[in-house]
Amino acid sequence: MGTVQYNEEGVLMSIKELCGVMTGESEEEEAEMEAYNHLVKLSQIYRSTSQEQCLDISHEKTVKDLMDTSLKTRRRAERQWTYQTCTEFGFYQTCEDTACPFSGMLTLQAQTKLCARVFGISQHSLPARIAFTNSYYGGDNPHTHRVLYVNGGVDPWKELSVVQDSSEEAQTVFIKDTAHCADMSRERLTDHHSLRKARQEIENHVACWLRTAAQEKMNNRGELL
């Protein structure tokens, strides 16, 4: 999940590297075992960065982690994010299509049941909550002022954002070959040209807004005097 979302933006492996492990050829194993062995190898690479003896991905462990409200929890943002999905967004990742290569247990119903179990929020209230959010903020056609919508071409979340100017006020910046939140990271020598250009564009927009706001404030003060 981290690789697909962030790609080259400071995670353990890029999409290209991960796919290389998963599709690498092996002459030592039987053909039917190759895919499994590649998955084991990938798991070992990720496991090498953790001190946990095993990876518990059970549903009960997920619920337990989401209900952990202690300050020392390692899963700092998951509870807050899940609460927002239950009260504002939806945004669930499911695997109910027959062509989906992942677990068929990832259904919409299974995801929304967490709302009731963790927060006491009825899953039946979600459609109305999501509709309100889209209505209040404008969905993919927001009528906003001095808001910049920045997205990367490698970021799966771009499908839920504004990627084209839909009104005179909307301002968008699309960075073709970067992933999630790349523009918010510090500059690196390996940054793509498109990312460097986008950061400059963002800076120009913000600088212009600040100058305009300062001028408006001065004009208002002059009118009062």
Protein backbone atom coordinates (compact mmCIF):
# COMPACT_ATOMS: atom_id res chain seq x y z
CA MET A 1 0.00 0.00 0.00
CA GLY A 2 2.80 2.39 0.90
CA THR A 3 4.68 1.63 -2.30
CA VAL A 4 1.68 2.19 -4.55
CA GLN A 5 0.78 5.42 -2.77
CA TYR A 6 4.24 6.97 -2.43
CA ASN A 7 6.37 5.17 -5.07
CA GLU A 8 9.76 6.94 -4.91
CA GLU A 9 8.84 9.35 -2.14
CA GLY A 10 10.84 7.91 0.76
CA VAL A 11 9.33 4.42 1.16
CA LEU A 12 11.22 1.12 1.26
CA MET A 13 10.66 0.18 -2.38
CA SER A 14 9.41 1.88 -5.52
CA ILE A 15 6.65 0.38 -7.67
CA LYS A 16 9.24 -0.68 -10.24
CA GLU A 17 11.39 -2.39 -7.61
CA LEU A 18 8.44 -4.17 -6.00
CA CYS A 19 7.16 -5.44 -9.35
CA GLY A 20 10.68 -6.60 -10.17
CA VAL A 21 10.67 -8.88 -7.13
CA MET A 22 7.16 -10.16 -7.82
CA THR A 23 7.79 -10.97 -11.50
CA GLY A 24 11.43 -12.10 -11.37
CA GLU A 25 12.15 -15.44 -13.04
CA SER A 26 13.46 -18.40 -11.07
CA GLU A 27 14.91 -21.56 -12.63
CA GLU A 28 15.40 -23.28 -9.29
CA GLU A 29 11.74 -23.77 -8.40
CA GLU A 30 8.80 -25.43 -10.05
CA ALA A 31 6.74 -23.11 -12.21
CA GLU A 32 3.68 -23.32 -9.98
CA MET A 33 5.80 -22.31 -6.97
CA GLU A 34 7.47 -19.30 -8.54
CA ALA A 35 4.75 -16.78 -7.75
CA TYR A 36 4.56 -17.96 -4.14
CA ASN A 37 8.34 -17.82 -3.72
CA HIS A 38 8.43 -14.31 -5.10
CA LEU A 39 5.80 -13.30 -2.57
CA VAL A 40 7.86 -14.90 0.22
CA LYS A 41 10.95 -13.00 -0.94
CA LEU A 42 9.04 -9.72 -0.97
CA SER A 43 7.70 -10.44 2.51
CA GLN A 44 11.21 -11.14 3.77
CA ILE A 45 12.43 -7.80 2.43
CA TYR A 46 9.69 -5.95 4.29
CA ARG A 47 10.07 -8.10 7.40
CA SER A 48 13.76 -7.17 7.60
CA THR A 49 12.75 -3.62 8.54
CA SER A 50 10.50 -4.70 11.43
CA GLN A 51 11.21 -6.13 14.87
CA GLU A 52 7.92 -8.03 14.99
CA GLN A 53 8.14 -11.82 14.98
CA CYS A 54 5.20 -12.14 12.61
CA LEU A 55 2.71 -9.93 10.82
CA ASP A 56 -0.77 -10.20 12.28
CA ILE A 57 -3.27 -9.03 9.66
CA SER A 58 -6.36 -10.52 11.29
CA HIS A 59 -9.61 -8.61 11.47
CA GLU A 60 -9.57 -8.73 15.26
CA LYS A 61 -6.09 -7.17 15.34
CA THR A 62 -7.28 -4.41 13.02
CA VAL A 63 -10.24 -3.63 15.29
CA LYS A 64 -8.03 -3.72 18.39
CA ASP A 65 -5.57 -1.26 16.85
CA LEU A 66 -8.35 1.09 15.74
CA MET A 67 -9.80 1.15 19.25
CA ASP A 68 -6.43 1.98 20.82
CA THR A 69 -6.67 5.59 22.04
CA SER A 70 -3.43 5.62 24.04
CA LEU A 71 -0.83 8.28 23.32
CA LYS A 72 1.88 5.67 22.78
CA THR A 73 0.14 3.80 19.96
CA ARG A 74 2.34 3.26 16.90
CA ARG A 75 -0.61 3.47 14.52
CA ARG A 76 -1.02 7.18 15.04
CA ALA A 77 -3.25 8.20 12.16
CA GLU A 78 -5.33 5.14 11.29
CA ARG A 79 -8.04 5.72 13.90
CA GLN A 80 -8.48 9.36 12.90
CA TRP A 81 -8.52 8.53 9.21
CA THR A 82 -11.03 5.72 9.70
CA TYR A 83 -13.28 8.10 11.67
CA GLN A 84 -13.23 10.52 8.74
CA THR A 85 -14.19 7.75 6.32
CA CYS A 86 -17.16 6.95 8.57
CA THR A 87 -18.32 10.55 8.99
CA GLU A 88 -17.27 12.41 5.84
CA PHE A 89 -15.53 10.61 3.00
CA GLY A 90 -16.23 6.95 2.35
CA PHE A 91 -13.13 6.34 0.17
CA TYR A 92 -13.12 2.57 0.79
CA GLN A 93 -10.82 0.20 -1.07
CA THR A 94 -12.67 -3.02 -1.89
CA CYS A 95 -12.09 -6.18 -3.91
CA GLU A 96 -15.54 -7.40 -4.94
CA ASP A 97 -14.88 -7.43 -8.69
CA THR A 98 -14.01 -10.88 -10.03
CA ALA A 99 -10.95 -9.42 -11.75
CA CYS A 100 -9.53 -8.07 -8.47
CA PRO A 101 -6.30 -9.93 -7.60
CA PHE A 102 -6.59 -9.41 -3.84
CA SER A 103 -8.75 -10.92 -1.11
CA GLY A 104 -12.46 -11.08 -1.86
CA MET A 105 -13.08 -10.51 1.85
CA LEU A 106 -12.41 -6.80 1.28
CA THR A 107 -16.05 -5.91 0.70
CA LEU A 108 -17.78 -2.60 1.19
CA GLN A 109 -19.96 -4.10 3.93
CA ALA A 110 -16.93 -5.43 5.81
CA GLN A 111 -15.30 -1.99 5.68
CA THR A 112 -18.33 -0.04 6.79
CA LYS A 113 -19.07 -2.43 9.67
CA LEU A 114 -15.94 -1.01 11.33
CA CYS A 115 -17.80 2.28 11.77
CA ALA A 116 -20.34 0.68 14.06
CA ARG A 117 -17.91 -1.53 15.91
CA VAL A 118 -15.20 1.07 16.53
CA PHE A 119 -17.16 4.33 16.75
CA GLY A 120 -20.80 3.33 17.21
CA ILE A 121 -21.69 4.97 13.90
CA SER A 122 -24.36 3.15 11.90
CA GLN A 123 -23.12 2.03 8.49
CA HIS A 124 -26.52 2.96 7.12
CA SER A 125 -25.82 6.63 7.87
CA LEU A 126 -22.77 6.74 5.60
CA PRO A 127 -24.51 7.60 2.29
CA ALA A 128 -26.14 10.68 3.82
CA ARG A 129 -22.89 11.77 5.50
CA ILE A 130 -20.92 11.40 2.26
CA ALA A 131 -23.61 13.22 0.27
CA PHE A 132 -23.45 16.11 2.73
CA THR A 133 -19.67 16.35 2.38
CA ASN A 134 -19.88 16.45 -1.41
CA SER A 135 -22.69 19.00 -1.30
CA TYR A 136 -20.98 21.23 1.27
CA TYR A 137 -17.54 21.25 -0.40
CA GLY A 138 -18.66 20.92 -4.01
CA GLY A 139 -17.41 17.42 -4.80
CA ASP A 140 -15.25 17.44 -7.93
CA ASN A 141 -16.59 20.88 -8.90
CA PRO A 142 -15.82 23.04 -5.84
CA HIS A 143 -16.47 26.77 -5.84
CA THR A 144 -13.41 27.73 -3.84
CA HIS A 145 -11.31 30.87 -3.57
CA ARG A 146 -7.51 30.85 -3.23
CA VAL A 147 -7.33 27.06 -2.95
CA LEU A 148 -4.71 25.08 -4.85
CA TYR A 149 -5.39 21.44 -5.81
CA VAL A 150 -2.08 19.60 -6.24
CA ASN A 151 -1.95 16.00 -7.50
CA GLY A 152 0.64 13.54 -8.75
CA GLY A 153 0.15 11.35 -11.80
CA VAL A 154 1.35 8.25 -9.89
CA ASP A 155 -0.95 8.90 -6.91
CA PRO A 156 -4.05 6.63 -6.82
CA TRP A 157 -5.86 9.25 -4.71
CA LYS A 158 -5.92 11.69 -7.63
CA GLU A 159 -9.16 10.02 -8.72
CA LEU A 160 -10.84 11.66 -5.72
CA SER A 161 -9.37 15.11 -6.25
CA VAL A 162 -9.77 18.06 -8.59
CA VAL A 163 -7.29 17.58 -11.44
CA GLN A 164 -8.68 20.06 -13.95
CA ASP A 165 -9.82 23.65 -13.46
CA SER A 166 -13.59 23.34 -13.35
CA SER A 167 -14.27 27.01 -12.70
CA GLU A 168 -12.52 30.38 -12.91
CA GLU A 169 -11.56 30.21 -9.23
CA ALA A 170 -10.23 26.63 -9.17
CA GLN A 171 -6.46 26.32 -9.44
CA THR A 172 -4.86 22.95 -10.17
CA VAL A 173 -1.27 21.71 -10.38
CA PHE A 174 -0.74 18.25 -11.89
CA ILE A 175 2.71 16.66 -11.47
CA LYS A 176 2.84 13.90 -14.07
CA ASP A 177 5.57 11.62 -12.69
CA THR A 178 5.32 11.98 -8.91
CA ALA A 179 3.23 10.27 -6.26
CA HIS A 180 1.31 11.19 -3.11
CA CYS A 181 2.19 14.54 -1.43
CA ALA A 182 5.54 14.76 -3.22
CA ASP A 183 5.29 18.56 -3.37
CA MET A 184 5.12 18.71 0.43
CA SER A 185 8.41 16.86 0.94
CA ARG A 186 11.77 18.60 1.16
CA GLU A 187 13.75 19.07 -2.01
CA ARG A 188 16.08 16.27 -3.12
CA LEU A 189 18.71 15.99 -5.83
CA THR A 190 16.71 13.13 -7.36
CA ASP A 191 13.51 15.18 -7.73
CA HIS A 192 11.95 15.10 -11.19
CA HIS A 193 11.98 18.31 -13.22
CA SER A 194 8.17 18.33 -13.16
CA LEU A 195 8.24 18.35 -9.33
CA ARG A 196 10.70 21.24 -9.17
CA LYS A 197 8.58 23.18 -11.66
CA ALA A 198 5.40 22.44 -9.68
CA ARG A 199 6.93 23.65 -6.41
CA GLN A 200 7.83 26.93 -8.10
CA GLU A 201 4.31 27.22 -9.48
CA ILE A 202 2.85 26.62 -6.01
CA GLU A 203 5.16 29.24 -4.52
CA ASN A 204 4.13 31.75 -7.18
CA HIS A 205 0.43 31.17 -6.46
CA VAL A 206 0.84 31.58 -2.69
CA ALA A 207 3.05 34.67 -3.08
CA CYS A 208 0.46 36.25 -5.37
CA TRP A 209 -2.34 35.53 -2.90
CA LEU A 210 -0.36 37.03 -0.03
CA ARG A 211 0.36 40.19 -2.01
CA THR A 212 -3.29 40.47 -2.98
CA ALA A 213 -4.46 39.94 0.60
CA ALA A 214 -2.01 42.55 1.89
CA GLN A 215 -3.19 45.05 -0.72
CA GLU A 216 -6.84 44.37 0.13
CA LYS A 217 -6.10 44.94 3.82
CA MET A 218 -4.37 48.25 3.05
CA ASN A 219 -7.27 49.37 0.88
CA ASN A 220 -9.78 48.49 3.60
CA ARG A 221 -7.77 50.38 6.19
CA GLY A 222 -7.66 53.42 3.90
CA GLU A 223 -11.45 53.35 3.47
CA LEU A 224 -11.92 53.26 7.25
CA LEU A 225 -9.63 56.26 7.71
